[in-house]
Amino acid sequence: MTSQARTAITTGDGVRIAYRFDGDEDKPVLLLSNSIGTDLHMWDGQVPALTEHFRLLRYDARGHGASDVPSGPYSLDRLGRDVVELLDALGLRRTHVLGLSLGGIVAQWLGIHVPERVDRLVLSNTAAHLGPANQWDRPIAELLDAPDMQATTDMFLHNWFPAHMLEEGDEVVEGFRRTLLATQREGVAGSWAAVRDSDLRRTAALIGNPTLVIAGEHDTVTSAAHGKELAATIPGARFTLLPTVHMANVERPAEFVDAVVTFLGERP
């Protein structure tokens, strides 16, 4: 398997976006898009299995990881255009796209606005809308006023993983903890603003790409009901429910990868 060290492009608005490839160049490309508060390493546990079938393109969304952290609110349009500019810079006309949480919202945007750049879509633990919008204002303000990321980190981990993984001091969970604590608050707050200001409940019906929606039975961030609603909105979408909280790829990696590989490998 060939891997590439993390490198970067610079977007039209001057923001550096870090990315890396893993897998053989002769395999179809699968773009992975991440949750708020994570970087491209959130997929590390799935890389060995996925690279048996795909060349993986992972990236750090603006505000996260090795990418730049502009201040102020981010928009979903800007997050989507970051991906388009990345694909353009790499000469990739069309890829499969797998997004989880905010990554799944960005993936929806791609299916709505640039469907010609997408082959098949997998939308995991995500939603077309998380409202009402004003529920985000206080968390954004409190985060920006906080002395550090400690309280936000604890909240995220509680929302992402089942209690037994948190109680056992699971090393994978501890990796997510370290990433969260190192994330700049402006990146999380800016991304929360993108979630606050987006509502794809009507426009998701425009997605014409073959789509699989994966939801977690015990997900309190983007509920199973959110996933079912999204799958019902997208014409012909499939729906898979896994017995997980929010990070379905981490909690049930074998079932998650099997669902993704089976769907993406189907013939038109």
Protein backbone atom coordinates (compact mmCIF):
# COMPACT_ATOMS: atom_id res chain seq x y z
CA MET A 1 0.00 0.00 0.00
CA THR A 2 1.28 3.44 -0.86
CA SER A 3 0.79 6.33 1.56
CA GLN A 4 1.62 9.98 1.25
CA ALA A 5 2.66 12.32 4.04
CA ARG A 6 0.21 15.09 4.83
CA THR A 7 0.59 18.04 2.46
CA ALA A 8 -1.66 20.99 1.62
CA ILE A 9 -3.35 23.20 -0.92
CA THR A 10 -4.30 26.85 -0.50
CA THR A 11 -7.90 27.83 -1.22
CA GLY A 12 -9.08 30.90 -3.09
CA ASP A 13 -9.60 32.75 0.18
CA GLY A 14 -6.06 31.98 1.31
CA VAL A 15 -6.69 29.11 3.73
CA ARG A 16 -4.30 26.17 3.83
CA ILE A 17 -6.12 22.81 3.71
CA ALA A 18 -4.05 19.76 4.67
CA TYR A 19 -4.64 16.38 3.05
CA ARG A 20 -3.09 12.97 2.47
CA PHE A 21 -3.56 9.92 0.26
CA ASP A 22 -3.43 6.27 1.32
CA GLY A 23 -3.74 3.27 -0.96
CA ASP A 24 -2.85 2.23 -4.47
CA GLU A 25 -3.22 4.74 -7.28
CA ASP A 26 -5.05 2.29 -9.52
CA LYS A 27 -8.01 1.98 -7.12
CA PRO A 28 -11.07 4.29 -7.16
CA VAL A 29 -10.73 7.33 -4.90
CA LEU A 30 -12.85 7.62 -1.76
CA LEU A 31 -12.89 11.07 -0.12
CA LEU A 32 -13.39 11.02 3.66
CA SER A 33 -14.85 14.07 5.43
CA ASN A 34 -14.66 14.44 9.20
CA SER A 35 -16.66 15.40 12.25
CA ILE A 36 -16.21 18.71 14.06
CA GLY A 37 -13.40 18.46 16.60
CA THR A 38 -11.45 15.78 14.72
CA ASP A 39 -8.81 15.61 12.04
CA LEU A 40 -8.13 13.10 9.28
CA HIS A 41 -6.89 10.61 11.89
CA MET A 42 -10.48 9.90 12.93
CA TRP A 43 -10.42 7.29 10.14
CA ASP A 44 -7.10 5.66 11.08
CA GLY A 45 -8.75 2.48 12.31
CA GLN A 46 -10.58 1.98 9.02
CA VAL A 47 -7.68 2.79 6.67
CA PRO A 48 -6.28 -0.77 6.40
CA ALA A 49 -9.65 -2.28 5.46
CA LEU A 50 -10.75 0.56 3.17
CA THR A 51 -7.46 0.69 1.25
CA GLU A 52 -8.04 -2.89 0.15
CA HIS A 53 -10.71 -1.41 -2.11
CA PHE A 54 -10.03 2.33 -2.48
CA ARG A 55 -7.38 5.01 -2.67
CA LEU A 56 -8.30 7.18 0.31
CA LEU A 57 -8.19 10.96 0.21
CA ARG A 58 -8.41 12.40 3.73
CA TYR A 59 -8.24 16.07 4.65
CA ASP A 60 -8.38 18.34 7.68
CA ALA A 61 -11.31 20.71 7.39
CA ARG A 62 -10.55 24.39 7.93
CA GLY A 63 -10.22 25.06 11.62
CA HIS A 64 -8.88 21.58 12.37
CA GLY A 65 -5.71 19.53 12.40
CA ALA A 66 -2.90 20.85 10.22
CA SER A 67 -5.21 23.15 8.24
CA ASP A 68 -5.45 26.88 8.91
CA VAL A 69 -7.86 28.21 11.53
CA PRO A 70 -9.52 31.39 10.28
CA SER A 71 -11.54 33.25 12.90
CA GLY A 72 -15.23 34.01 12.60
CA PRO A 73 -18.16 31.86 11.47
CA TYR A 74 -17.69 29.38 8.64
CA SER A 75 -20.40 28.73 6.05
CA LEU A 76 -21.40 25.38 4.62
CA ASP A 77 -20.85 26.80 1.13
CA ARG A 78 -17.26 27.63 2.06
CA LEU A 79 -16.66 24.18 3.56
CA GLY A 80 -18.07 22.60 0.42
CA ARG A 81 -15.96 24.79 -1.86
CA ASP A 82 -12.87 23.78 0.12
CA VAL A 83 -13.50 20.21 -1.05
CA VAL A 84 -14.13 21.26 -4.65
CA GLU A 85 -10.91 23.28 -4.69
CA LEU A 86 -9.04 20.30 -3.22
CA LEU A 87 -10.38 17.99 -5.93
CA ASP A 88 -9.53 20.58 -8.60
CA ALA A 89 -5.98 20.98 -7.31
CA LEU A 90 -5.48 17.21 -7.33
CA GLY A 91 -6.97 16.76 -10.79
CA LEU A 92 -9.76 14.53 -9.51
CA ARG A 93 -12.86 14.84 -11.64
CA ARG A 94 -15.08 12.47 -9.66
CA THR A 95 -14.81 10.50 -6.39
CA HIS A 96 -16.87 8.52 -3.95
CA VAL A 97 -17.60 10.58 -0.82
CA LEU A 98 -18.03 9.36 2.77
CA GLY A 99 -18.81 11.99 5.39
CA LEU A 100 -19.63 11.63 9.08
CA SER A 101 -21.45 14.26 11.18
CA LEU A 102 -20.45 17.68 9.79
CA GLY A 103 -18.57 15.73 7.13
CA GLY A 104 -21.91 14.23 6.17
CA ILE A 105 -23.44 17.68 5.88
CA VAL A 106 -20.57 18.74 3.61
CA ALA A 107 -21.13 15.56 1.60
CA GLN A 108 -24.80 16.48 1.19
CA TRP A 109 -23.74 19.91 -0.08
CA LEU A 110 -21.52 18.25 -2.68
CA GLY A 111 -24.37 16.02 -3.85
CA ILE A 112 -26.68 19.03 -4.14
CA HIS A 113 -24.32 21.57 -5.73
CA VAL A 114 -21.67 19.58 -7.63
CA PRO A 115 -23.20 16.16 -8.27
CA GLU A 116 -20.96 15.70 -11.31
CA ARG A 117 -17.96 15.51 -8.92
CA VAL A 118 -19.51 12.68 -6.89
CA ASP A 119 -19.94 9.03 -7.77
CA ARG A 120 -21.60 7.46 -4.72
CA LEU A 121 -22.38 9.12 -1.37
CA VAL A 122 -22.26 7.66 2.12
CA LEU A 123 -23.79 9.96 4.75
CA SER A 124 -23.02 8.69 8.24
CA ASN A 125 -24.37 9.90 11.59
CA THR A 126 -25.53 13.16 10.10
CA ALA A 127 -28.63 15.23 9.43
CA ALA A 128 -30.08 17.63 6.92
CA HIS A 129 -30.74 20.15 9.72
CA LEU A 130 -29.92 20.47 13.41
CA GLY A 131 -32.10 23.20 14.80
CA PRO A 132 -33.47 25.49 15.93
CA ALA A 133 -30.66 27.74 14.82
CA ASN A 134 -30.62 29.84 17.99
CA GLN A 135 -29.70 26.80 20.11
CA TRP A 136 -26.14 27.15 18.81
CA ASP A 137 -25.55 30.76 19.82
CA ARG A 138 -24.89 30.18 23.51
CA PRO A 139 -22.50 27.19 23.03
CA ILE A 140 -20.53 29.20 20.46
CA ALA A 141 -20.25 32.22 22.76
CA GLU A 142 -19.38 30.10 25.81
CA LEU A 143 -16.70 28.19 23.90
CA LEU A 144 -15.04 31.36 22.66
CA ASP A 145 -15.05 32.72 26.23
CA ALA A 146 -13.74 29.48 27.77
CA PRO A 147 -10.14 29.30 29.02
CA ASP A 148 -9.47 26.08 27.10
CA MET A 149 -11.08 23.10 25.34
CA GLN A 150 -11.46 20.91 28.44
CA ALA A 151 -15.23 21.24 28.99
CA THR A 152 -15.98 21.00 25.27
CA THR A 153 -13.76 17.93 24.99
CA ASP A 154 -15.61 16.17 27.79
CA MET A 155 -18.95 17.01 26.17
CA PHE A 156 -17.89 15.75 22.76
CA LEU A 157 -16.53 12.46 24.09
CA HIS A 158 -19.69 11.87 26.12
CA ASN A 159 -21.79 12.45 22.99
CA TRP A 160 -19.58 10.38 20.69
CA PHE A 161 -18.89 7.13 22.55
CA PRO A 162 -20.73 4.64 24.77
CA ALA A 163 -20.08 4.78 28.50
CA HIS A 164 -18.05 1.58 28.60
CA MET A 165 -15.49 2.97 26.12
CA LEU A 166 -15.11 6.10 28.23
CA GLU A 167 -14.82 4.18 31.49
CA GLU A 168 -12.19 1.78 30.20
CA GLY A 169 -9.78 4.52 29.18
CA ASP A 170 -9.87 3.14 25.64
CA GLU A 171 -6.70 4.15 23.77
CA VAL A 172 -8.66 5.10 20.63
CA VAL A 173 -10.90 7.36 22.71
CA GLU A 174 -7.82 8.87 24.33
CA GLY A 175 -6.53 9.70 20.86
CA PHE A 176 -9.74 11.60 20.15
CA ARG A 177 -9.34 13.35 23.52
CA ARG A 178 -5.84 14.51 22.61
CA THR A 179 -7.03 15.77 19.24
CA LEU A 180 -9.90 17.71 20.80
CA LEU A 181 -7.70 19.31 23.44
CA ALA A 182 -5.28 20.42 20.72
CA THR A 183 -8.02 21.86 18.49
CA GLN A 184 -8.32 25.63 18.46
CA ARG A 185 -11.64 26.92 19.79
CA GLU A 186 -12.13 29.17 16.75
CA GLY A 187 -12.22 26.10 14.52
CA VAL A 188 -14.97 24.41 16.51
CA ALA A 189 -16.98 27.62 16.93
CA GLY A 190 -16.68 28.46 13.25
CA SER A 191 -17.85 24.97 12.30
CA TRP A 192 -20.77 25.09 14.75
CA ALA A 193 -21.84 28.28 12.97
CA ALA A 194 -21.88 26.37 9.66
CA VAL A 195 -24.18 23.77 11.22
CA ARG A 196 -26.35 26.49 12.77
CA ASP A 197 -26.84 28.30 9.48
CA SER A 198 -27.47 25.29 7.22
CA ASP A 199 -30.82 23.68 6.43
CA LEU A 200 -30.82 21.06 3.68
CA ARG A 201 -34.19 19.50 4.46
CA ARG A 202 -35.65 20.62 1.14
CA THR A 203 -32.59 20.71 -1.09
CA ALA A 204 -31.42 17.21 -0.10
CA ALA A 205 -34.22 16.01 -2.36
CA LEU A 206 -32.09 17.23 -5.29
CA ILE A 207 -29.38 14.65 -4.59
CA GLY A 208 -29.35 12.25 -7.51
CA ASN A 209 -26.23 10.26 -6.67
CA PRO A 210 -26.66 6.74 -5.26
CA THR A 211 -26.70 7.32 -1.51
CA LEU A 212 -26.37 5.26 1.65
CA VAL A 213 -27.39 6.82 4.98
CA ILE A 214 -25.90 5.24 8.11
CA ALA A 215 -27.34 6.12 11.51
CA GLY A 216 -26.53 5.14 15.09
CA GLU A 217 -29.31 3.59 17.14
CA HIS A 218 -28.09 5.39 20.28
CA ASP A 219 -26.79 8.57 18.66
CA THR A 220 -27.86 11.65 20.63
CA VAL A 221 -26.13 14.15 18.31
CA THR A 222 -27.68 13.17 14.99
CA SER A 223 -30.39 10.73 15.92
CA ALA A 224 -31.64 7.69 14.06
CA ALA A 225 -34.72 9.77 13.28
CA HIS A 226 -32.51 12.35 11.57
CA GLY A 227 -30.98 9.60 9.46
CA LYS A 228 -34.35 8.13 8.52
CA GLU A 229 -35.65 11.57 7.56
CA LEU A 230 -32.59 12.18 5.39
CA ALA A 231 -32.86 8.80 3.69
CA ALA A 232 -36.55 9.42 3.00
CA THR A 233 -35.74 12.80 1.44
CA ILE A 234 -33.02 11.63 -0.95
CA PRO A 235 -34.56 9.75 -3.89
CA GLY A 236 -33.70 6.04 -3.75
CA ALA A 237 -31.41 6.34 -0.72
CA ARG A 238 -30.64 3.26 1.35
CA PHE A 239 -30.75 3.32 5.14
CA THR A 240 -28.63 1.29 7.57
CA LEU A 241 -28.97 1.43 11.36
CA LEU A 242 -26.00 0.36 13.49
CA PRO A 243 -26.12 -0.24 17.28
CA THR A 244 -23.82 2.71 18.02
CA VAL A 245 -23.61 6.20 19.43
CA HIS A 246 -22.16 8.93 17.16
CA MET A 247 -18.79 7.60 16.00
CA ALA A 248 -20.13 4.52 14.26
CA ASN A 249 -16.87 3.99 12.37
CA VAL A 250 -14.95 3.68 15.65
CA GLU A 251 -17.49 1.81 17.76
CA ARG A 252 -18.42 -0.83 15.18
CA PRO A 253 -15.62 -0.65 12.59
CA ALA A 254 -16.19 -4.04 10.97
CA GLU A 255 -19.91 -3.51 10.40
CA PHE A 256 -19.29 0.08 9.30
CA VAL A 257 -16.65 -0.82 6.74
CA ASP A 258 -18.71 -3.74 5.47
CA ALA A 259 -21.71 -1.46 4.86
CA VAL A 260 -19.56 1.15 3.10
CA VAL A 261 -17.60 -1.29 0.92
CA THR A 262 -20.68 -3.27 -0.07
CA PHE A 263 -22.56 -0.15 -1.10
CA LEU A 264 -19.72 1.56 -2.94
CA GLY A 265 -18.82 -1.66 -4.75
CA GLU A 266 -22.25 -2.14 -6.29
CA ARG A 267 -22.55 -1.93 -10.05
CA PRO A 268 -24.83 0.81 -11.45
